[in-house]
Amino acid sequence: MLGSSIFFIFCTPFYVNIFSFDKLIGTPSDYVYLLLLSSVCTIGLYLLQISVVKVISAFTVNLSYNLEPIYSIILAMIIFKEGQELNFSFYIGLILIILSVALQTISSLKAKKHKPF
């Protein structure tokens, strides 16, 4: 944190000389968008995460977060036709990840079934 602050202090004069000072300050609509993003995308989703953890285990929630790169790669393959450079090891890794998710789901369902209310 301290290093980034020092870096920012030293780089700001160069930035102001290259770009206009207006871009550094921003417009009022920029601040409205920043406030909206910080409140909805940070605080709102954090509250949703807390409510989800009450229903689903924390491991399953974190597993879904960790699968986001896989979702992105699959969507890029489908939408942008970007699957040409993916090799055999990627598909093996993808199968292992999907298998681990399936096994986790099965084990959590079995644990719920055997658990008394």
Foldseek 3Di string as FASTA:
>chain_A
DVVVVVVCVVCVVVVCVVDPVDVVVDDPVVVVVVVVCCCCVPVVVVVVVVVVCVPDPPVLVVLVVVCVVVVVVVCCCPPVVPPPPDDPVVVVVVVVSVVVNVVVVVVVVVVVVPDDD
